[in-house]
C-alpha atoms as a PDB file:
ATOM      1  CA  UNK A   1      -0.299-149.106-121.827  1.00  0.00           C
ATOM      2  CA  UNK A   2      -2.627-150.597-119.683  1.00  0.00           C
ATOM      3  CA  UNK A   3      -3.893-148.892-116.582  1.00  0.00           C
ATOM      4  CA  UNK A   4      -6.000-150.924-114.167  1.00  0.00           C
ATOM      5  CA  UNK A   5      -6.990-148.575-110.908  1.00  0.00           C
ATOM      6  CA  UNK A   6      -8.165-150.537-108.533  1.00  0.00           C
ATOM      7  CA  UNK A   7     -10.242-149.337-105.429  1.00  0.00           C
ATOM      8  CA  UNK A   8      -8.837-148.052-102.845  1.00  0.00           C
ATOM      9  CA  UNK A   9      -9.301-150.281 -99.292  1.00  0.00           C
ATOM     10  CA  UNK A  10     -11.559-148.174 -97.421  1.00  0.00           C
ATOM     11  CA  UNK A  11     -12.814-149.475 -93.772  1.00  0.00           C
ATOM     12  CA  UNK A  12     -16.860-150.215 -93.513  1.00  0.00           C
ATOM     13  CA  UNK A  13     -17.924-147.530 -91.856  1.00  0.00           C
ATOM     14  CA  UNK A  14     -19.350-149.735 -88.787  1.00  0.00           C
ATOM     15  CA  UNK A  15     -15.762-151.146 -88.175  1.00  0.00           C
ATOM     16  CA  UNK A  16     -14.875-147.453 -89.331  1.00  0.00           C
ATOM     17  CA  UNK A  17     -16.680-146.838 -85.804  1.00  0.00           C
ATOM     18  CA  UNK A  18     -16.530-149.516 -83.994  1.00  0.00           C
ATOM     19  CA  UNK A  19     -12.280-148.445 -83.988  1.00  0.00           C
ATOM     20  CA  UNK A  20     -12.957-145.331 -83.105  1.00  0.00           C
ATOM     21  CA  UNK A  21     -14.902-146.473 -80.116  1.00  0.00           C
ATOM     22  CA  UNK A  22     -12.062-148.384 -79.429  1.00  0.00           C
ATOM     23  CA  UNK A  23      -9.565-145.486 -79.900  1.00  0.00           C
ATOM     24  CA  UNK A  24     -11.910-144.072 -77.044  1.00  0.00           C
ATOM     25  CA  UNK A  25     -11.706-146.645 -74.855  1.00  0.00           C
ATOM     26  CA  UNK A  26      -8.642-147.256 -74.461  1.00  0.00           C
ATOM     27  CA  UNK A  27      -7.315-143.594 -74.266  1.00  0.00           C
ATOM     28  CA  UNK A  28     -10.139-143.542 -71.925  1.00  0.00           C
ATOM     29  CA  UNK A  29      -8.604-146.865 -69.938  1.00  0.00           C
ATOM     30  CA  UNK A  30      -5.390-145.184 -69.653  1.00  0.00           C
ATOM     31  CA  UNK A  31      -6.061-142.156 -68.702  1.00  0.00           C
ATOM     32  CA  UNK A  32      -7.749-142.659 -65.621  1.00  0.00           C
ATOM     33  CA  UNK A  33      -5.234-145.392 -64.231  1.00  0.00           C
ATOM     34  CA  UNK A  34      -2.458-142.821 -64.348  1.00  0.00           C
ATOM     35  CA  UNK A  35      -4.846-140.675 -62.618  1.00  0.00           C
ATOM     36  CA  UNK A  36      -5.455-143.480 -60.398  1.00  0.00           C
ATOM     37  CA  UNK A  37      -1.676-144.124 -59.771  1.00  0.00           C
ATOM     38  CA  UNK A  38      -0.803-140.779 -59.088  1.00  0.00           C
ATOM     39  CA  UNK A  39      -3.700-140.157 -56.416  1.00  0.00           C
ATOM     40  CA  UNK A  40      -2.561-143.557 -55.167  1.00  0.00           C
ATOM     41  CA  UNK A  41       1.207-142.359 -54.845  1.00  0.00           C
ATOM     42  CA  UNK A  42       0.189-138.832 -53.673  1.00  0.00           C
ATOM     43  CA  UNK A  43      -1.876-140.631 -50.703  1.00  0.00           C
ATOM     44  CA  UNK A  44       0.748-142.850 -50.421  1.00  0.00           C
ATOM     45  CA  UNK A  45       3.540-140.494 -49.781  1.00  0.00           C
ATOM     46  CA  UNK A  46       1.398-138.127 -48.148  1.00  0.00           C
ATOM     47  CA  UNK A  47      -0.688-139.937 -45.553  1.00  0.00           C
ATOM     48  CA  UNK A  48       0.258-143.538 -45.110  1.00  0.00           C
ATOM     49  CA  UNK A  49       4.278-143.273 -44.956  1.00  0.00           C
ATOM     50  CA  UNK A  50       5.019-144.942 -48.172  1.00  0.00           C
ATOM     51  CA  UNK A  51       3.041-148.102 -48.023  1.00  0.00           C
ATOM     52  CA  UNK A  52       2.325-149.909 -51.357  1.00  0.00           C
ATOM     53  CA  UNK A  53      -1.993-150.383 -50.720  1.00  0.00           C
ATOM     54  CA  UNK A  54      -2.821-146.668 -52.021  1.00  0.00           C
ATOM     55  CA  UNK A  55      -1.080-147.366 -54.997  1.00  0.00           C
ATOM     56  CA  UNK A  56      -2.826-150.194 -56.074  1.00  0.00           C
ATOM     57  CA  UNK A  57      -5.833-149.167 -55.035  1.00  0.00           C
ATOM     58  CA  UNK A  58      -5.793-145.833 -56.991  1.00  0.00           C
ATOM     59  CA  UNK A  59      -4.902-148.856 -59.783  1.00  0.00           C
ATOM     60  CA  UNK A  60      -7.559-150.878 -59.282  1.00  0.00           C
ATOM     61  CA  UNK A  61     -10.118-147.804 -59.137  1.00  0.00           C
ATOM     62  CA  UNK A  62      -9.004-146.365 -62.516  1.00  0.00           C
ATOM     63  CA  UNK A  63      -8.908-149.173 -64.257  1.00  0.00           C
ATOM     64  CA  UNK A  64     -12.461-150.183 -62.661  1.00  0.00           C
ATOM     65  CA  UNK A  65     -13.622-146.491 -64.005  1.00  0.00           C
ATOM     66  CA  UNK A  66     -12.087-146.726 -67.521  1.00  0.00           C
ATOM     67  CA  UNK A  67     -13.483-150.260 -67.685  1.00  0.00           C
ATOM     68  CA  UNK A  68     -17.541-149.356 -66.968  1.00  0.00           C
ATOM     69  CA  UNK A  69     -17.015-146.046 -68.961  1.00  0.00           C
ATOM     70  CA  UNK A  70     -15.521-148.003 -71.811  1.00  0.00           C
ATOM     71  CA  UNK A  71     -18.605-150.703 -71.340  1.00  0.00           C
ATOM     72  CA  UNK A  72     -21.024-147.670 -71.320  1.00  0.00           C
ATOM     73  CA  UNK A  73     -18.977-146.371 -74.421  1.00  0.00           C
ATOM     74  CA  UNK A  74     -19.464-149.324 -76.094  1.00  0.00           C
ATOM     75  CA  UNK A  75     -22.977-150.330 -75.781  1.00  0.00           C
ATOM     76  CA  UNK A  76     -23.620-146.646 -76.422  1.00  0.00           C
ATOM     77  CA  UNK A  77     -25.152-145.722 -80.219  1.00  0.00           C
ATOM     78  CA  UNK A  78     -23.455-142.218 -80.070  1.00  0.00           C
ATOM     79  CA  UNK A  79     -20.655-143.187 -78.627  1.00  0.00           C
ATOM     80  CA  UNK A  80     -17.533-141.359 -78.401  1.00  0.00           C
ATOM     81  CA  UNK A  81     -19.446-138.501 -79.887  1.00  0.00           C
ATOM     82  CA  UNK A  82     -18.985-135.588 -77.192  1.00  0.00           C
ATOM     83  CA  UNK A  83     -22.898-133.079 -77.749  1.00  0.00           C
ATOM     84  CA  UNK A  84     -23.490-129.702 -75.694  1.00  0.00           C
ATOM     85  CA  UNK A  85     -26.383-129.307 -74.985  1.00  0.00           C
ATOM     86  CA  UNK A  86     -27.738-125.146 -75.846  1.00  0.00           C
END
C-alpha cells in the first residue's frame, strides 16, 4: 500500500498575526460599543427622561473608541501582545 502524506495546511506567521490582531480589534470594538450602549441606556433612564439620544451618543463613543484603539493596534508592531512592566 502506498501512503501519501500531504503536509498539513498551516497559516503563515504573518497571516496568523494579522488574524490575531483582527480578533483583538473586533472583540475590543464590541466590548466598547456594548459599554457605551449600557452607559447610554443608564443615562437615558436616570437623567434624560428616557430619550434616545444618550443611547446613540454612547454607542457612537464606543464605536469611535473601538476604531481608534483598533487603528493603533493594527499599526503597532506588537498589537494584541500585552506586556507587564516590572
